[in-house]
Amino acid sequence: MKYNLFLITCLVLISSCKEKEKIQSNVAVDKLPYFVSSDFTPYWYTEKDLKDKHKIPAFRFVNQMGDTVSNSDYKGKIYVADFFFTICPGICPQLTKNMKYIQEVYKNDTKIKLLSHTVMPWHDSVPVLKEYALRNDIYSEKWDLVTGDKDEIYEIARNGYFADEDFIKTKDSTNFIHTENFILIDKKGYIRGVYNGTIALDVKRLIRHIEILEKE
């Protein structure tokens, strides 16, 4: 009798755990969290909770074609942002390779865009960015490589996208920005995901999350 009671209790606990895992899985699959601070704590906000919450601030840069790029060009779009520079010998080639993979996946989807900011604008002029784009088969209608004022780029990197991990730790604004993060932004300008752009599995996770955002 005691053995039967023990067995029933175990079965109930197992069933409960499986149901909990199922619920958690459904939450993860059906909706993405919001990230509104530099510690990237996820918040599962509803629409009414979003008032005054952090979103990407207004920006105005110039892309590889010499065209001005601003928030209005990304209004109603889902986009992936990152930070790089053209003569980077380290992680940037891998970031470009993986961003190009995303470009290929969504090359016919006008709702998805890519935005790469140079962190070396004193070197990465419009002609330099255009040559880099040609060398890497970057589609200008899909993927903007942007340059501009250094202070403005560094400001939006640190306080807009929370992309500079060293600055978050040290608060030293003189440091050079170098981050492997891909940041996923939704149609309204909110941060909905952060990924390691050098890791293929994380890039595939990002793509799954883009599909979730498309259904919102």
N, C-alpha and C. Protein backbone atom coordinates (compact mmCIF):
# COMPACT_ATOMS: atom_id res chain seq x y z
N MET A 1 0.83 -1.20 0.00
CA MET A 1 0.00 0.00 0.00
C MET A 1 0.87 1.26 0.00
N LYS A 2 1.86 1.28 0.89
CA LYS A 2 2.77 2.43 0.97
C LYS A 2 3.55 2.58 -0.33
N TYR A 3 3.93 1.44 -0.92
CA TYR A 3 4.69 1.48 -2.18
C TYR A 3 3.83 2.08 -3.30
N ASN A 4 2.54 1.66 -3.33
CA ASN A 4 1.63 2.18 -4.36
C ASN A 4 1.42 3.69 -4.21
N LEU A 5 1.31 4.13 -2.96
CA LEU A 5 1.12 5.55 -2.69
C LEU A 5 2.36 6.34 -3.12
N PHE A 6 3.53 5.78 -2.84
CA PHE A 6 4.79 6.42 -3.24
C PHE A 6 4.88 6.53 -4.77
N LEU A 7 4.48 5.44 -5.44
CA LEU A 7 4.55 5.41 -6.90
C LEU A 7 3.61 6.43 -7.51
N ILE A 8 2.40 6.54 -6.97
CA ILE A 8 1.41 7.51 -7.47
C ILE A 8 1.93 8.94 -7.28
N THR A 9 2.54 9.19 -6.09
CA THR A 9 3.08 10.52 -5.81
C THR A 9 4.17 10.89 -6.80
N CYS A 10 5.05 9.94 -7.11
CA CYS A 10 6.12 10.19 -8.07
C CYS A 10 5.57 10.51 -9.45
N LEU A 11 4.54 9.75 -9.86
CA LEU A 11 3.94 9.98 -11.17
C LEU A 11 3.30 11.35 -11.26
N VAL A 12 2.66 11.78 -10.19
CA VAL A 12 2.03 13.10 -10.15
C VAL A 12 3.08 14.19 -10.25
N LEU A 13 4.19 14.03 -9.51
CA LEU A 13 5.27 15.03 -9.55
C LEU A 13 5.90 15.11 -10.93
N ILE A 14 6.13 13.96 -11.56
CA ILE A 14 6.71 13.93 -12.90
C ILE A 14 5.79 14.63 -13.89
N SER A 15 4.50 14.32 -13.79
CA SER A 15 3.52 14.94 -14.69
C SER A 15 3.49 16.45 -14.50
N SER A 16 3.54 16.88 -13.24
CA SER A 16 3.53 18.31 -12.93
C SER A 16 4.75 19.01 -13.51
N CYS A 17 5.91 18.39 -13.36
CA CYS A 17 7.16 18.97 -13.89
C CYS A 17 7.11 19.09 -15.40
N LYS A 18 6.58 18.04 -16.05
CA LYS A 18 6.49 18.08 -17.51
C LYS A 18 5.56 19.18 -17.98
N GLU A 19 4.45 19.37 -17.24
CA GLU A 19 3.50 20.42 -17.60
C GLU A 19 4.13 21.80 -17.42
N LYS A 20 4.91 21.95 -16.35
CA LYS A 20 5.60 23.22 -16.11
C LYS A 20 6.59 23.51 -17.21
N GLU A 21 7.36 22.48 -17.63
CA GLU A 21 8.31 22.65 -18.71
C GLU A 21 7.60 23.02 -20.01
N LYS A 22 6.44 22.42 -20.23
CA LYS A 22 5.67 22.70 -21.43
C LYS A 22 5.22 24.16 -21.45
N ILE A 23 4.73 24.64 -20.30
CA ILE A 23 4.28 26.02 -20.20
C ILE A 23 5.45 26.97 -20.45
N GLN A 24 6.58 26.69 -19.80
CA GLN A 24 7.75 27.55 -19.97
C GLN A 24 8.20 27.53 -21.43
N SER A 25 8.15 26.38 -22.05
CA SER A 25 8.55 26.28 -23.45
C SER A 25 7.63 27.08 -24.35
N ASN A 26 6.32 27.02 -24.05
CA ASN A 26 5.36 27.76 -24.85
C ASN A 26 5.57 29.25 -24.73
N VAL A 27 5.90 29.72 -23.51
CA VAL A 27 6.18 31.14 -23.32
C VAL A 27 7.37 31.56 -24.16
N ALA A 28 8.41 30.76 -24.14
CA ALA A 28 9.64 31.08 -24.86
C ALA A 28 9.41 31.08 -26.36
N VAL A 29 8.54 30.19 -26.83
CA VAL A 29 8.32 30.05 -28.25
C VAL A 29 7.35 31.10 -28.78
N ASP A 30 6.34 31.46 -27.99
CA ASP A 30 5.27 32.32 -28.47
C ASP A 30 5.53 33.81 -28.34
N LYS A 31 6.39 34.21 -27.44
CA LYS A 31 6.61 35.63 -27.21
C LYS A 31 8.01 35.87 -26.67
N LEU A 32 8.62 36.96 -27.11
CA LEU A 32 9.95 37.32 -26.64
C LEU A 32 9.86 38.35 -25.52
N PRO A 33 10.84 38.36 -24.61
CA PRO A 33 10.86 39.38 -23.56
C PRO A 33 11.34 40.72 -24.12
N TYR A 34 11.26 41.74 -23.27
CA TYR A 34 11.82 43.05 -23.58
C TYR A 34 13.06 43.25 -22.71
N PHE A 35 14.05 43.97 -23.25
CA PHE A 35 15.26 44.29 -22.51
C PHE A 35 15.37 45.81 -22.43
N VAL A 36 15.29 46.35 -21.22
CA VAL A 36 15.20 47.80 -21.07
C VAL A 36 16.33 48.39 -20.24
N SER A 37 17.34 47.58 -19.92
CA SER A 37 18.46 48.07 -19.13
C SER A 37 19.73 47.34 -19.55
N SER A 38 20.87 47.90 -19.17
CA SER A 38 22.16 47.37 -19.63
C SER A 38 22.52 46.02 -19.03
N ASP A 39 21.82 45.58 -18.01
CA ASP A 39 22.10 44.25 -17.46
C ASP A 39 21.35 43.16 -18.22
N PHE A 40 20.54 43.57 -19.20
CA PHE A 40 19.80 42.64 -20.06
C PHE A 40 18.95 41.65 -19.27
N THR A 41 18.32 42.15 -18.23
CA THR A 41 17.32 41.35 -17.53
C THR A 41 16.06 41.28 -18.39
N PRO A 42 15.52 40.09 -18.67
CA PRO A 42 14.32 40.01 -19.51
C PRO A 42 13.06 40.37 -18.73
N TYR A 43 12.18 41.14 -19.37
CA TYR A 43 10.90 41.50 -18.79
C TYR A 43 9.79 41.10 -19.75
N TRP A 44 8.77 40.44 -19.22
CA TRP A 44 7.67 39.97 -20.06
C TRP A 44 6.53 40.97 -19.98
N TYR A 45 6.74 42.13 -20.60
CA TYR A 45 5.76 43.20 -20.54
C TYR A 45 4.57 42.93 -21.46
N THR A 46 3.43 43.46 -21.06
CA THR A 46 2.28 43.54 -21.96
C THR A 46 2.32 44.91 -22.63
N GLU A 47 1.49 45.13 -23.60
CA GLU A 47 1.48 46.38 -24.35
C GLU A 47 1.28 47.59 -23.43
N LYS A 48 0.41 47.45 -22.44
CA LYS A 48 0.12 48.58 -21.56
C LYS A 48 1.27 48.90 -20.60
N ASP A 49 2.20 47.95 -20.43
CA ASP A 49 3.35 48.17 -19.53
C ASP A 49 4.48 48.93 -20.21
N LEU A 50 4.42 49.12 -21.52
CA LEU A 50 5.57 49.63 -22.27
C LEU A 50 5.74 51.15 -22.23
N LYS A 51 4.77 51.86 -21.71
CA LYS A 51 4.87 53.31 -21.68
C LYS A 51 6.13 53.75 -20.93
N ASP A 52 6.92 54.62 -21.59
CA ASP A 52 8.16 55.18 -21.02
C ASP A 52 9.28 54.16 -20.84
N LYS A 53 9.12 52.95 -21.36
CA LYS A 53 10.19 51.96 -21.27
C LYS A 53 11.23 52.24 -22.37
N HIS A 54 12.45 51.79 -22.13
CA HIS A 54 13.57 52.08 -23.03
C HIS A 54 13.35 51.53 -24.43
N LYS A 55 13.62 52.36 -25.40
CA LYS A 55 13.66 51.93 -26.80
C LYS A 55 14.83 52.63 -27.48
N ILE A 56 15.18 52.22 -28.68
CA ILE A 56 16.32 52.81 -29.38
C ILE A 56 16.04 54.28 -29.66
N PRO A 57 16.92 55.18 -29.22
CA PRO A 57 16.70 56.62 -29.43
C PRO A 57 16.86 57.01 -30.90
N ALA A 58 16.45 58.23 -31.20
CA ALA A 58 16.56 58.74 -32.58
C ALA A 58 18.01 58.74 -33.03
N PHE A 59 18.23 58.40 -34.28
CA PHE A 59 19.59 58.41 -34.83
C PHE A 59 19.55 58.92 -36.27
N ARG A 60 20.71 59.35 -36.72
CA ARG A 60 20.85 59.85 -38.09
C ARG A 60 22.30 59.65 -38.52
N PHE A 61 22.54 58.67 -39.40
CA PHE A 61 23.88 58.37 -39.88
C PHE A 61 23.88 58.33 -41.41
N VAL A 62 25.03 58.00 -42.00
CA VAL A 62 25.16 57.91 -43.45
C VAL A 62 25.62 56.50 -43.80
N ASN A 63 24.99 55.90 -44.81
CA ASN A 63 25.34 54.52 -45.15
C ASN A 63 26.36 54.44 -46.29
N GLN A 64 26.64 53.22 -46.71
CA GLN A 64 27.69 52.96 -47.71
C GLN A 64 27.38 53.55 -49.08
N MET A 65 26.12 53.93 -49.31
CA MET A 65 25.73 54.54 -50.57
C MET A 65 25.72 56.07 -50.50
N GLY A 66 26.07 56.59 -49.31
CA GLY A 66 26.05 58.03 -49.12
C GLY A 66 24.69 58.57 -48.77
N ASP A 67 23.74 57.68 -48.48
CA ASP A 67 22.38 58.09 -48.13
C ASP A 67 22.23 58.24 -46.62
N THR A 68 21.42 59.20 -46.21
CA THR A 68 21.13 59.38 -44.79
C THR A 68 20.20 58.27 -44.32
N VAL A 69 20.53 57.68 -43.18
CA VAL A 69 19.74 56.61 -42.58
C VAL A 69 19.29 57.08 -41.20
N SER A 70 18.00 56.99 -40.93
CA SER A 70 17.46 57.44 -39.64
C SER A 70 16.40 56.47 -39.14
N ASN A 71 15.82 56.79 -37.98
CA ASN A 71 14.77 55.95 -37.42
C ASN A 71 13.61 55.72 -38.38
N SER A 72 13.30 56.73 -39.17
CA SER A 72 12.15 56.62 -40.07
C SER A 72 12.33 55.48 -41.07
N ASP A 73 13.58 55.18 -41.43
CA ASP A 73 13.83 54.09 -42.37
C ASP A 73 13.60 52.72 -41.75
N TYR A 74 13.55 52.67 -40.42
CA TYR A 74 13.38 51.41 -39.72
C TYR A 74 12.04 51.30 -39.02
N LYS A 75 11.21 52.30 -39.18
CA LYS A 75 9.89 52.29 -38.58
C LYS A 75 9.07 51.15 -39.17
N GLY A 76 8.50 50.32 -38.30
CA GLY A 76 7.71 49.19 -38.76
C GLY A 76 8.52 48.02 -39.26
N LYS A 77 9.85 48.07 -39.07
CA LYS A 77 10.73 46.98 -39.50
C LYS A 77 11.30 46.26 -38.28
N ILE A 78 11.57 44.98 -38.44
CA ILE A 78 12.38 44.23 -37.49
C ILE A 78 13.81 44.31 -37.99
N TYR A 79 14.75 44.63 -37.10
CA TYR A 79 16.13 44.69 -37.59
C TYR A 79 17.13 44.16 -36.58
N VAL A 80 18.28 43.78 -37.12
CA VAL A 80 19.40 43.29 -36.31
C VAL A 80 20.51 44.33 -36.41
N ALA A 81 21.01 44.79 -35.27
CA ALA A 81 22.07 45.79 -35.23
C ALA A 81 23.34 45.20 -34.66
N ASP A 82 24.48 45.70 -35.16
CA ASP A 82 25.75 45.34 -34.55
C ASP A 82 26.76 46.47 -34.76
N PHE A 83 27.97 46.27 -34.23
CA PHE A 83 29.03 47.29 -34.29
C PHE A 83 30.32 46.60 -34.75
N PHE A 84 31.02 47.25 -35.69
CA PHE A 84 32.18 46.63 -36.31
C PHE A 84 33.12 47.73 -36.82
N PHE A 85 34.23 47.34 -37.44
CA PHE A 85 35.01 48.27 -38.25
C PHE A 85 35.73 47.47 -39.35
N THR A 86 35.98 48.12 -40.46
CA THR A 86 36.36 47.40 -41.67
C THR A 86 37.74 46.77 -41.62
N ILE A 87 38.64 47.31 -40.80
CA ILE A 87 39.99 46.76 -40.75
C ILE A 87 40.21 45.90 -39.51
N CYS A 88 39.12 45.51 -38.87
CA CYS A 88 39.20 44.66 -37.68
C CYS A 88 39.74 43.28 -38.05
N PRO A 89 40.82 42.84 -37.41
CA PRO A 89 41.39 41.53 -37.72
C PRO A 89 40.85 40.41 -36.85
N GLY A 90 40.02 40.77 -35.86
CA GLY A 90 39.57 39.78 -34.90
C GLY A 90 38.19 39.22 -35.19
N ILE A 91 37.18 39.68 -34.42
CA ILE A 91 35.85 39.07 -34.51
C ILE A 91 35.01 39.60 -35.67
N CYS A 92 35.35 40.77 -36.21
CA CYS A 92 34.49 41.40 -37.23
C CYS A 92 34.27 40.54 -38.47
N PRO A 93 35.29 39.87 -39.01
CA PRO A 93 35.01 39.00 -40.16
C PRO A 93 33.95 37.94 -39.88
N GLN A 94 33.97 37.40 -38.66
CA GLN A 94 32.96 36.40 -38.30
C GLN A 94 31.59 37.04 -38.14
N LEU A 95 31.56 38.26 -37.57
CA LEU A 95 30.29 38.99 -37.45
C LEU A 95 29.70 39.25 -38.84
N THR A 96 30.54 39.70 -39.75
CA THR A 96 30.08 39.97 -41.10
C THR A 96 29.58 38.70 -41.78
N LYS A 97 30.29 37.62 -41.60
CA LYS A 97 29.89 36.34 -42.19
C LYS A 97 28.52 35.91 -41.68
N ASN A 98 28.29 36.04 -40.38
CA ASN A 98 27.02 35.60 -39.81
C ASN A 98 25.89 36.59 -40.11
N MET A 99 26.21 37.88 -40.19
CA MET A 99 25.20 38.85 -40.60
C MET A 99 24.81 38.59 -42.06
N LYS A 100 25.79 38.22 -42.87
CA LYS A 100 25.51 37.90 -44.27
C LYS A 100 24.60 36.68 -44.37
N TYR A 101 24.78 35.72 -43.47
CA TYR A 101 23.89 34.56 -43.45
C TYR A 101 22.45 35.00 -43.20
N ILE A 102 22.26 35.92 -42.26
CA ILE A 102 20.91 36.45 -41.98
C ILE A 102 20.38 37.18 -43.21
N GLN A 103 21.25 37.93 -43.88
CA GLN A 103 20.86 38.64 -45.10
C GLN A 103 20.31 37.65 -46.14
N GLU A 104 20.99 36.52 -46.30
CA GLU A 104 20.56 35.54 -47.29
C GLU A 104 19.23 34.91 -46.92
N VAL A 105 19.03 34.66 -45.63
CA VAL A 105 17.77 34.07 -45.18
C VAL A 105 16.60 34.99 -45.48
N TYR A 106 16.81 36.30 -45.30
CA TYR A 106 15.71 37.26 -45.43
C TYR A 106 15.85 38.20 -46.63
N LYS A 107 16.59 37.79 -47.64
CA LYS A 107 16.87 38.68 -48.76
C LYS A 107 15.60 39.11 -49.50
N ASN A 108 14.53 38.31 -49.43
CA ASN A 108 13.29 38.66 -50.12
C ASN A 108 12.21 39.15 -49.17
N ASP A 109 12.58 39.35 -47.92
CA ASP A 109 11.61 39.81 -46.90
C ASP A 109 11.89 41.28 -46.59
N THR A 110 11.05 42.17 -47.09
CA THR A 110 11.27 43.61 -46.93
C THR A 110 11.02 44.10 -45.51
N LYS A 111 10.47 43.25 -44.66
CA LYS A 111 10.18 43.65 -43.27
C LYS A 111 11.38 43.48 -42.36
N ILE A 112 12.43 42.83 -42.87
CA ILE A 112 13.62 42.56 -42.07
C ILE A 112 14.80 43.36 -42.63
N LYS A 113 15.51 44.08 -41.73
CA LYS A 113 16.67 44.85 -42.16
C LYS A 113 17.86 44.58 -41.24
N LEU A 114 19.04 44.97 -41.69
CA LEU A 114 20.27 44.82 -40.92
C LEU A 114 20.96 46.18 -40.84
N LEU A 115 21.58 46.46 -39.69
CA LEU A 115 22.20 47.78 -39.47
C LEU A 115 23.53 47.59 -38.74
N SER A 116 24.63 47.85 -39.44
CA SER A 116 25.96 47.73 -38.84
C SER A 116 26.59 49.11 -38.72
N HIS A 117 27.00 49.46 -37.49
CA HIS A 117 27.63 50.76 -37.22
C HIS A 117 29.14 50.59 -37.12
N THR A 118 29.89 51.40 -37.85
CA THR A 118 31.33 51.36 -37.65
C THR A 118 31.69 52.06 -36.34
N VAL A 119 32.63 51.48 -35.60
CA VAL A 119 33.12 52.12 -34.38
C VAL A 119 34.44 52.82 -34.65
N MET A 120 34.81 52.88 -35.95
CA MET A 120 36.01 53.60 -36.34
C MET A 120 35.66 54.58 -37.49
N PRO A 121 34.76 55.53 -37.21
CA PRO A 121 34.28 56.41 -38.28
C PRO A 121 35.36 57.30 -38.87
N TRP A 122 36.44 57.55 -38.12
CA TRP A 122 37.53 58.37 -38.65
C TRP A 122 38.27 57.65 -39.78
N HIS A 123 38.10 56.33 -39.86
CA HIS A 123 38.69 55.56 -40.95
C HIS A 123 37.63 55.11 -41.95
N ASP A 124 36.49 54.66 -41.43
CA ASP A 124 35.46 54.06 -42.28
C ASP A 124 34.55 55.12 -42.88
N SER A 125 35.05 55.77 -43.92
CA SER A 125 34.29 56.76 -44.65
C SER A 125 33.28 56.06 -45.56
N VAL A 126 32.44 56.83 -46.23
CA VAL A 126 31.46 56.24 -47.15
C VAL A 126 32.14 55.40 -48.23
N PRO A 127 33.20 55.88 -48.92
CA PRO A 127 33.86 55.04 -49.93
C PRO A 127 34.45 53.75 -49.35
N VAL A 128 34.99 53.82 -48.14
CA VAL A 128 35.54 52.62 -47.51
C VAL A 128 34.43 51.61 -47.21
N LEU A 129 33.31 52.10 -46.70
CA LEU A 129 32.18 51.21 -46.41
C LEU A 129 31.61 50.62 -47.70
N LYS A 130 31.57 51.42 -48.76
CA LYS A 130 31.04 50.92 -50.03
C LYS A 130 31.92 49.81 -50.58
N GLU A 131 33.23 49.99 -50.50
CA GLU A 131 34.15 48.97 -50.96
C GLU A 131 34.01 47.70 -50.13
N TYR A 132 33.85 47.86 -48.81
CA TYR A 132 33.67 46.72 -47.91
C TYR A 132 32.38 45.97 -48.26
N ALA A 133 31.33 46.74 -48.55
CA ALA A 133 30.05 46.13 -48.92
C ALA A 133 30.17 45.33 -50.22
N LEU A 134 30.86 45.89 -51.19
CA LEU A 134 31.04 45.19 -52.46
C LEU A 134 31.86 43.91 -52.27
N ARG A 135 32.88 44.01 -51.45
CA ARG A 135 33.77 42.87 -51.20
C ARG A 135 33.04 41.73 -50.49
N ASN A 136 32.03 42.09 -49.71
CA ASN A 136 31.32 41.07 -48.92
C ASN A 136 29.91 40.78 -49.43
N ASP A 137 29.61 41.23 -50.64
CA ASP A 137 28.30 40.96 -51.25
C ASP A 137 27.14 41.41 -50.36
N ILE A 138 27.25 42.61 -49.85
CA ILE A 138 26.22 43.18 -48.99
C ILE A 138 25.20 43.94 -49.84
N TYR A 139 23.92 43.62 -49.65
CA TYR A 139 22.85 44.28 -50.41
C TYR A 139 22.48 45.58 -49.70
N SER A 140 22.66 46.70 -50.39
CA SER A 140 22.42 48.00 -49.76
C SER A 140 20.96 48.22 -49.39
N GLU A 141 20.03 47.58 -50.13
CA GLU A 141 18.61 47.75 -49.81
C GLU A 141 18.20 46.96 -48.57
N LYS A 142 19.01 46.03 -48.17
CA LYS A 142 18.72 45.19 -47.00
C LYS A 142 19.57 45.55 -45.79
N TRP A 143 20.82 45.92 -46.05
CA TRP A 143 21.81 46.01 -44.98
C TRP A 143 22.56 47.32 -45.08
N ASP A 144 22.39 48.18 -44.08
CA ASP A 144 23.08 49.46 -44.01
C ASP A 144 24.35 49.35 -43.18
N LEU A 145 25.47 49.78 -43.78
CA LEU A 145 26.71 49.98 -43.03
C LEU A 145 26.81 51.49 -42.81
N VAL A 146 26.79 51.92 -41.56
CA VAL A 146 26.68 53.36 -41.34
C VAL A 146 27.90 53.94 -40.62
N THR A 147 28.19 55.19 -40.98
CA THR A 147 29.25 55.97 -40.33
C THR A 147 28.65 57.31 -39.92
N GLY A 148 29.43 58.08 -39.18
CA GLY A 148 28.94 59.37 -38.72
C GLY A 148 29.83 59.93 -37.63
N ASP A 149 29.27 60.79 -36.81
CA ASP A 149 30.01 61.40 -35.72
C ASP A 149 30.36 60.33 -34.67
N LYS A 150 31.62 60.28 -34.27
CA LYS A 150 32.07 59.25 -33.33
C LYS A 150 31.27 59.29 -32.03
N ASP A 151 31.09 60.50 -31.47
CA ASP A 151 30.39 60.60 -30.19
C ASP A 151 28.95 60.10 -30.30
N GLU A 152 28.32 60.37 -31.42
CA GLU A 152 26.94 59.93 -31.59
C GLU A 152 26.86 58.41 -31.73
N ILE A 153 27.80 57.83 -32.47
CA ILE A 153 27.82 56.38 -32.62
C ILE A 153 28.10 55.70 -31.28
N TYR A 154 29.07 56.21 -30.54
CA TYR A 154 29.40 55.61 -29.25
C TYR A 154 28.28 55.80 -28.23
N GLU A 155 27.59 56.93 -28.32
CA GLU A 155 26.47 57.18 -27.40
C GLU A 155 25.35 56.18 -27.64
N ILE A 156 24.98 55.98 -28.90
CA ILE A 156 23.88 55.05 -29.15
C ILE A 156 24.29 53.61 -28.89
N ALA A 157 25.56 53.29 -29.11
CA ALA A 157 26.05 51.94 -28.81
C ALA A 157 25.90 51.64 -27.32
N ARG A 158 26.32 52.61 -26.51
CA ARG A 158 26.37 52.37 -25.06
C ARG A 158 25.03 52.57 -24.37
N ASN A 159 24.31 53.59 -24.74
CA ASN A 159 23.09 53.94 -24.02
C ASN A 159 21.82 53.63 -24.80
N GLY A 160 21.98 53.29 -26.09
CA GLY A 160 20.82 52.88 -26.87
C GLY A 160 20.70 51.37 -26.96
N TYR A 161 21.77 50.75 -27.47
CA TYR A 161 21.77 49.29 -27.65
C TYR A 161 22.40 48.53 -26.49
N PHE A 162 23.01 49.23 -25.53
CA PHE A 162 23.72 48.58 -24.42
C PHE A 162 24.75 47.59 -24.95
N ALA A 163 25.44 47.99 -26.02
CA ALA A 163 26.31 47.06 -26.74
C ALA A 163 27.74 46.99 -26.22
N ASP A 164 28.13 47.94 -25.36
CA ASP A 164 29.54 48.00 -24.93
C ASP A 164 29.68 47.44 -23.52
N GLU A 165 30.06 46.17 -23.43
CA GLU A 165 30.15 45.51 -22.12
C GLU A 165 31.20 46.17 -21.23
N ASP A 166 32.33 46.59 -21.81
CA ASP A 166 33.38 47.21 -21.00
C ASP A 166 32.91 48.52 -20.38
N PHE A 167 32.14 49.30 -21.15
CA PHE A 167 31.64 50.56 -20.62
C PHE A 167 30.64 50.32 -19.49
N ILE A 168 29.83 49.28 -19.64
CA ILE A 168 28.86 48.94 -18.59
C ILE A 168 29.60 48.66 -17.28
N LYS A 169 30.78 48.03 -17.39
CA LYS A 169 31.54 47.68 -16.19
C LYS A 169 32.36 48.84 -15.66
N THR A 170 32.99 49.60 -16.56
CA THR A 170 33.98 50.61 -16.13
C THR A 170 33.47 52.04 -16.17
N LYS A 171 32.45 52.30 -17.02
CA LYS A 171 31.94 53.66 -17.25
C LYS A 171 33.02 54.59 -17.81
N ASP A 172 34.01 54.00 -18.46
CA ASP A 172 35.09 54.79 -19.06
C ASP A 172 34.75 55.07 -20.52
N SER A 173 34.32 56.30 -20.82
CA SER A 173 33.85 56.65 -22.16
C SER A 173 34.98 56.78 -23.17
N THR A 174 36.24 56.74 -22.72
CA THR A 174 37.36 56.86 -23.65
C THR A 174 37.71 55.52 -24.28
N ASN A 175 37.16 54.43 -23.76
CA ASN A 175 37.48 53.11 -24.29
C ASN A 175 36.93 52.90 -25.69
N PHE A 176 37.65 52.15 -26.49
CA PHE A 176 37.22 51.77 -27.83
C PHE A 176 36.14 50.69 -27.72
N ILE A 177 35.09 50.82 -28.51
CA ILE A 177 34.01 49.84 -28.46
C ILE A 177 34.33 48.65 -29.36
N HIS A 178 34.21 47.47 -28.79
CA HIS A 178 34.38 46.24 -29.57
C HIS A 178 33.50 45.19 -28.94
N THR A 179 32.42 44.83 -29.61
CA THR A 179 31.46 43.89 -29.05
C THR A 179 31.04 42.86 -30.09
N GLU A 180 30.78 41.65 -29.64
CA GLU A 180 30.31 40.60 -30.55
C GLU A 180 28.80 40.49 -30.58
N ASN A 181 28.09 41.38 -29.90
CA ASN A 181 26.65 41.28 -29.80
C ASN A 181 25.92 41.60 -31.10
N PHE A 182 24.90 40.79 -31.41
CA PHE A 182 23.85 41.13 -32.35
C PHE A 182 22.64 41.50 -31.50
N ILE A 183 22.01 42.62 -31.81
CA ILE A 183 20.86 43.08 -31.02
C ILE A 183 19.63 43.06 -31.89
N LEU A 184 18.58 42.40 -31.43
CA LEU A 184 17.34 42.27 -32.18
C LEU A 184 16.35 43.35 -31.74
N ILE A 185 15.89 44.15 -32.70
CA ILE A 185 14.99 45.26 -32.42
C ILE A 185 13.65 45.00 -33.11
N ASP A 186 12.56 45.25 -32.40
CA ASP A 186 11.24 44.99 -33.00
C ASP A 186 10.73 46.18 -33.79
N LYS A 187 9.54 46.08 -34.32
CA LYS A 187 8.97 47.09 -35.21
C LYS A 187 8.74 48.44 -34.53
N LYS A 188 8.71 48.44 -33.21
CA LYS A 188 8.47 49.69 -32.48
C LYS A 188 9.73 50.25 -31.83
N GLY A 189 10.88 49.60 -32.08
CA GLY A 189 12.14 50.12 -31.57
C GLY A 189 12.57 49.59 -30.22
N TYR A 190 11.94 48.52 -29.73
CA TYR A 190 12.33 47.93 -28.46
C TYR A 190 13.33 46.80 -28.67
N ILE A 191 14.25 46.66 -27.73
CA ILE A 191 15.21 45.55 -27.77
C ILE A 191 14.52 44.27 -27.33
N ARG A 192 14.57 43.23 -28.18
CA ARG A 192 13.87 41.98 -27.86
C ARG A 192 14.80 40.78 -27.77
N GLY A 193 16.09 40.97 -28.04
CA GLY A 193 17.01 39.85 -27.92
C GLY A 193 18.44 40.29 -28.11
N VAL A 194 19.36 39.56 -27.47
CA VAL A 194 20.80 39.83 -27.58
C VAL A 194 21.50 38.49 -27.80
N TYR A 195 22.41 38.44 -28.77
CA TYR A 195 23.00 37.19 -29.21
C TYR A 195 24.50 37.36 -29.48
N ASN A 196 25.24 36.30 -29.34
CA ASN A 196 26.66 36.33 -29.69
C ASN A 196 26.78 36.12 -31.20
N GLY A 197 27.16 37.18 -31.90
CA GLY A 197 27.20 37.13 -33.35
C GLY A 197 28.32 36.30 -33.94
N THR A 198 29.20 35.79 -33.09
CA THR A 198 30.29 34.93 -33.59
C THR A 198 29.95 33.45 -33.51
N ILE A 199 28.81 33.13 -32.91
CA ILE A 199 28.44 31.72 -32.70
C ILE A 199 27.26 31.36 -33.59
N ALA A 200 27.46 30.39 -34.46
CA ALA A 200 26.44 30.01 -35.44
C ALA A 200 25.13 29.58 -34.78
N LEU A 201 25.21 28.82 -33.68
CA LEU A 201 24.00 28.36 -33.01
C LEU A 201 23.19 29.53 -32.46
N ASP A 202 23.89 30.56 -31.96
CA ASP A 202 23.19 31.72 -31.44
C ASP A 202 22.54 32.52 -32.58
N VAL A 203 23.18 32.54 -33.72
CA VAL A 203 22.60 33.22 -34.88
C VAL A 203 21.33 32.49 -35.34
N LYS A 204 21.34 31.19 -35.29
CA LYS A 204 20.14 30.43 -35.64
C LYS A 204 19.02 30.67 -34.63
N ARG A 205 19.40 30.84 -33.37
CA ARG A 205 18.40 31.17 -32.34
C ARG A 205 17.80 32.54 -32.64
N LEU A 206 18.64 33.48 -33.06
CA LEU A 206 18.17 34.81 -33.44
C LEU A 206 17.14 34.71 -34.57
N ILE A 207 17.43 33.89 -35.55
CA ILE A 207 16.51 33.73 -36.68
C ILE A 207 15.17 33.16 -36.21
N ARG A 208 15.21 32.21 -35.29
CA ARG A 208 13.95 31.68 -34.74
C ARG A 208 13.17 32.79 -34.05
N HIS A 209 13.89 33.67 -33.37
CA HIS A 209 13.23 34.76 -32.65
C HIS A 209 12.67 35.82 -33.60
N ILE A 210 13.33 36.02 -34.72
CA ILE A 210 12.78 36.93 -35.74
C ILE A 210 11.43 36.40 -36.21
N GLU A 211 11.34 35.09 -36.40
CA GLU A 211 10.08 34.48 -36.84
C GLU A 211 8.98 34.71 -35.81
N ILE A 212 9.34 34.70 -34.54
CA ILE A 212 8.36 34.98 -33.49
C ILE A 212 7.88 36.42 -33.58
N LEU A 213 8.81 37.35 -33.74
CA LEU A 213 8.45 38.77 -33.84
C LEU A 213 7.56 39.03 -35.05
N GLU A 214 7.81 38.34 -36.15
CA GLU A 214 7.00 38.54 -37.35
C GLU A 214 5.53 38.20 -37.11
N LYS A 215 5.27 37.35 -36.13
CA LYS A 215 3.89 36.94 -35.85
C LYS A 215 3.19 37.85 -34.85
N GLU A 216 3.95 38.76 -34.23
CA GLU A 216 3.33 39.64 -33.22
C GLU A 216 2.38 40.64 -33.87
